Amino acid sequence: MSALPRELARRIDRLARHAHAFHRFAHHPLCDAYAHEVWRVGRVRVCRGCTLTVAGLSSGVGAGFLLPASLLAAGTAGVAFLLSLVVALGRRRWPKGLTRFFPALLTTAAIVAGERAGGWGFVVALAVVVLFSLALVAYRRRGPNREPCRRCPEFGLDQTCSGLRPIVRREKAFQRLSGRWIAQSVPAPSGRDDKTDRSDPTDRSDPTLRPGSGAE
């Protein structure tokens, strides 16, 4: 099978990015049961936990420069970071601000403060980096909270759930349109009339893929 023309491959890549932009950073099903896990910006959903983590890491850098360049400041931030990890990795599911924003803020604050303190401060910064890495491993092993799925009436049914249905519908629309583009790019066999529609392949004629069309 011959490779796709480069320009067509780029068009399909752009279409794929456009088709799934609305949920790319949601990281959760799009149903009401997980509404508290995402923020909605227009038609785009973003994961609340990841957004707060990034905000915390960024804020912590500034906080680290505001702290005194001393071992005491770095050590205090390190201890606070450790306590925040205990809360974040506990069995109870606390609000995201407590389990994402503050641990992330204290991580970078302790690292920056330790680097500025020098000496034993470097040890504090290194310890925080190691503990943060271990916490990430523990978090991934624990896995996401799927209790809302288990409580959902749709759980176990032999059909796509309402939380994933908009994503599946958008993927099917993408496959239909990209398949049409690929079919149009294949030359017709010699000696046969080509009745394939040769319309402009940049025309996103599938209404599901038009900008501003709701996937939900």
Protein backbone atom coordinates (compact mmCIF):
# COMPACT_ATOMS: atom_id res chain seq x y z
CA MET A 1 0.00 0.00 0.00
CA SER A 2 1.47 3.36 -1.02
CA ALA A 3 1.98 6.11 1.54
CA LEU A 4 -0.40 9.05 1.66
CA PRO A 5 0.65 12.26 -0.08
CA ARG A 6 2.44 14.46 2.44
CA GLU A 7 -0.02 17.32 2.15
CA LEU A 8 -3.00 15.00 2.68
CA ALA A 9 -1.32 13.42 5.71
CA ARG A 10 -0.83 16.88 7.18
CA ARG A 11 -4.48 17.76 6.54
CA ILE A 12 -5.60 14.59 8.31
CA ASP A 13 -3.30 15.37 11.25
CA ARG A 14 -4.78 18.87 11.51
CA LEU A 15 -8.28 17.46 11.31
CA ALA A 16 -7.52 14.95 14.09
CA ARG A 17 -6.21 17.71 16.35
CA HIS A 18 -9.27 19.83 15.65
CA ALA A 19 -11.69 16.94 16.11
CA HIS A 20 -10.45 16.00 19.58
CA ALA A 21 -9.40 19.42 20.88
CA PHE A 22 -12.54 19.72 23.02
CA HIS A 23 -11.54 16.86 25.34
CA ARG A 24 -7.77 16.55 24.83
CA PHE A 25 -6.96 17.80 28.33
CA ALA A 26 -10.13 16.69 30.12
CA HIS A 27 -8.66 13.37 31.32
CA HIS A 28 -12.11 12.32 32.57
CA PRO A 29 -15.45 11.24 31.10
CA LEU A 30 -17.60 14.18 30.04
CA CYS A 31 -20.77 13.26 31.95
CA ASP A 32 -22.36 15.04 34.91
CA ALA A 33 -20.86 12.51 37.34
CA TYR A 34 -17.38 13.89 36.58
CA ALA A 35 -18.39 17.53 36.13
CA HIS A 36 -16.59 18.42 39.37
CA GLU A 37 -13.35 17.00 37.92
CA VAL A 38 -13.16 19.32 34.91
CA TRP A 39 -13.41 22.99 34.11
CA ARG A 40 -15.21 24.09 30.99
CA VAL A 41 -13.74 26.90 28.90
CA GLY A 42 -16.17 27.48 26.06
CA ARG A 43 -16.50 24.09 24.38
CA VAL A 44 -13.17 22.85 25.74
CA ARG A 45 -12.82 20.85 28.93
CA VAL A 46 -9.64 20.83 31.00
CA CYS A 47 -8.77 18.59 33.93
CA ARG A 48 -9.15 20.43 37.21
CA GLY A 49 -6.43 18.44 38.97
CA CYS A 50 -3.82 18.89 36.23
CA THR A 51 -4.61 22.60 35.89
CA LEU A 52 -4.20 23.13 39.63
CA THR A 53 -0.95 21.15 39.61
CA VAL A 54 0.54 23.28 36.85
CA ALA A 55 -0.65 26.44 38.61
CA GLY A 56 0.87 25.23 41.88
CA LEU A 57 4.23 24.40 40.33
CA SER A 58 4.36 27.81 38.66
CA SER A 59 3.33 29.66 41.82
CA GLY A 60 5.83 27.72 43.89
CA VAL A 61 8.74 29.05 41.85
CA GLY A 62 7.76 32.59 42.74
CA ALA A 63 7.16 31.64 46.37
CA GLY A 64 10.62 30.06 46.55
CA PHE A 65 12.23 33.36 45.55
CA LEU A 66 10.12 35.25 48.09
CA LEU A 67 11.27 33.01 50.96
CA PRO A 68 14.47 33.90 52.80
CA ALA A 69 17.58 32.23 51.36
CA SER A 70 18.11 30.13 54.47
CA LEU A 71 18.14 26.49 55.48
CA LEU A 72 15.30 27.17 57.92
CA ALA A 73 13.02 28.44 55.14
CA ALA A 74 13.92 25.56 52.85
CA GLY A 75 13.45 23.01 55.64
CA THR A 76 10.09 24.47 56.65
CA ALA A 77 8.88 24.32 53.05
CA GLY A 78 10.17 20.75 52.80
CA VAL A 79 8.32 19.64 55.94
CA ALA A 80 5.14 21.33 54.76
CA PHE A 81 5.55 19.58 51.41
CA LEU A 82 5.88 16.21 53.16
CA LEU A 83 2.72 16.80 55.19
CA SER A 84 0.83 17.79 52.05
CA LEU A 85 1.89 14.52 50.42
CA VAL A 86 0.46 12.54 53.34
CA VAL A 87 -2.88 14.27 52.82
CA ALA A 88 -2.79 13.97 49.02
CA LEU A 89 -1.99 10.24 49.01
CA GLY A 90 -4.35 9.27 51.83
CA ARG A 91 -7.45 7.16 51.38
CA ARG A 92 -9.81 10.10 51.66
CA ARG A 93 -10.44 12.11 48.49
CA TRP A 94 -9.88 15.71 49.52
CA PRO A 95 -10.62 18.74 47.29
CA LYS A 96 -8.23 19.19 44.38
CA GLY A 97 -6.91 22.46 45.71
CA LEU A 98 -5.63 20.66 48.80
CA THR A 99 -4.26 17.60 47.05
CA ARG A 100 -2.92 19.16 43.83
CA PHE A 101 -2.28 22.89 44.14
CA PHE A 102 -0.60 23.04 47.56
CA PRO A 103 1.66 19.98 47.17
CA ALA A 104 2.80 21.28 43.78
CA LEU A 105 3.37 24.79 45.15
CA LEU A 106 5.37 23.49 48.11
CA THR A 107 7.41 21.22 45.83
CA THR A 108 8.90 23.99 43.71
CA ALA A 109 9.01 26.43 46.64
CA ALA A 110 11.15 24.00 48.67
CA ILE A 111 13.38 23.22 45.68
CA VAL A 112 14.00 26.88 44.84
CA ALA A 113 14.48 27.85 48.49
CA GLY A 114 16.92 24.97 48.99
CA GLU A 115 18.91 25.92 45.91
CA ARG A 116 19.13 29.52 47.10
CA ALA A 117 20.18 28.49 50.61
CA GLY A 118 23.04 26.32 49.38
CA GLY A 119 24.88 23.80 51.56
CA TRP A 120 22.34 21.60 53.31
CA GLY A 121 19.66 23.40 51.36
CA PHE A 122 20.75 21.40 48.31
CA VAL A 123 20.06 18.24 50.32
CA VAL A 124 16.56 19.50 51.13
CA ALA A 125 15.93 20.28 47.46
CA LEU A 126 17.18 16.85 46.37
CA ALA A 127 15.04 15.11 49.01
CA VAL A 128 11.97 16.98 47.79
CA VAL A 129 12.67 15.96 44.19
CA VAL A 130 13.01 12.30 45.21
CA LEU A 131 9.87 12.36 47.35
CA PHE A 132 7.89 14.09 44.63
CA SER A 133 8.97 11.44 42.11
CA LEU A 134 7.98 8.64 44.49
CA ALA A 135 4.65 10.34 45.09
CA LEU A 136 3.98 10.41 41.36
CA VAL A 137 4.70 6.67 41.15
CA ALA A 138 2.37 5.98 44.10
CA TYR A 139 -0.34 8.15 42.57
CA ARG A 140 -0.18 6.31 39.25
CA ARG A 141 -0.34 2.96 41.00
CA ARG A 142 -3.40 4.04 42.96
CA GLY A 143 -5.12 4.95 39.71
CA PRO A 144 -7.99 7.36 39.07
CA ASN A 145 -11.15 7.49 41.13
CA ARG A 146 -13.74 5.45 39.23
CA GLU A 147 -16.34 5.36 41.99
CA PRO A 148 -18.70 7.66 39.99
CA CYS A 149 -18.58 5.10 37.17
CA ARG A 150 -19.44 2.22 39.48
CA ARG A 151 -22.41 4.13 40.88
CA CYS A 152 -23.69 5.09 37.44
CA PRO A 153 -26.83 3.31 36.13
CA GLU A 154 -25.02 2.84 32.81
CA PHE A 155 -22.19 0.86 34.41
CA GLY A 156 -21.86 -2.60 32.88
CA LEU A 157 -24.22 -1.94 29.99
CA ASP A 158 -23.18 -3.17 26.56
CA GLN A 159 -23.01 0.32 25.05
CA THR A 160 -20.86 3.41 25.11
CA CYS A 161 -21.61 5.41 28.23
CA SER A 162 -22.82 9.00 28.04
CA GLY A 163 -19.50 10.28 29.35
CA LEU A 164 -17.57 8.84 26.40
CA ARG A 165 -20.28 9.10 23.76
CA PRO A 166 -19.31 12.61 22.54
CA ILE A 167 -15.71 11.44 22.08
CA VAL A 168 -16.74 8.32 20.18
CA ARG A 169 -19.14 10.30 18.02
CA ARG A 170 -16.42 12.80 17.14
CA GLU A 171 -13.95 10.00 16.33
CA LYS A 172 -16.43 8.32 13.99
CA ALA A 173 -17.02 11.63 12.22
CA PHE A 174 -13.26 12.08 11.87
CA GLN A 175 -12.88 8.59 10.42
CA ARG A 176 -15.67 9.17 7.92
CA LEU A 177 -14.23 12.41 6.63
CA SER A 178 -10.59 11.33 6.61
CA GLY A 179 -11.59 8.08 4.87
CA ARG A 180 -13.39 10.11 2.22
CA TRP A 181 -10.27 12.23 1.69
CA ILE A 182 -8.09 9.14 1.35
CA ALA A 183 -10.50 7.55 -1.11
CA GLN A 184 -10.49 10.71 -3.20
CA SER A 185 -6.70 10.71 -3.32
CA VAL A 186 -6.53 7.22 -4.89
CA PRO A 187 -6.35 7.36 -8.73
CA ALA A 188 -9.17 5.57 -10.54
CA PRO A 189 -8.16 2.37 -12.39
CA SER A 190 -7.33 2.98 -16.04
CA GLY A 191 -10.18 2.31 -18.46
CA ARG A 192 -12.86 3.06 -15.87
CA ASP A 193 -14.84 6.22 -15.37
CA ASP A 194 -13.95 7.94 -12.13
CA LYS A 195 -17.22 8.91 -10.51
CA THR A 196 -15.66 9.69 -7.17
CA ASP A 197 -16.45 13.12 -5.83
CA ARG A 198 -13.23 15.14 -6.20
CA SER A 199 -14.30 18.05 -4.06
CA ASP A 200 -11.74 20.07 -2.18
CA PRO A 201 -10.40 17.78 0.59
CA THR A 202 -10.08 20.75 2.92
CA ASP A 203 -13.87 21.00 3.00
CA ARG A 204 -14.93 19.70 6.41
CA SER A 205 -18.35 18.80 5.16
CA ASP A 206 -19.21 16.59 8.09
CA PRO A 207 -21.25 18.87 10.38
CA THR A 208 -19.85 17.13 13.45
CA LEU A 209 -16.39 18.45 12.59
CA ARG A 210 -17.28 22.05 11.82
CA PRO A 211 -15.73 24.60 14.18
CA GLY A 212 -18.26 25.54 16.83
CA SER A 213 -20.33 22.40 16.40
CA GLY A 214 -21.07 20.73 19.70
CA ALA A 215 -19.68 17.24 20.23
CA GLU A 216 -21.95 16.75 23.16
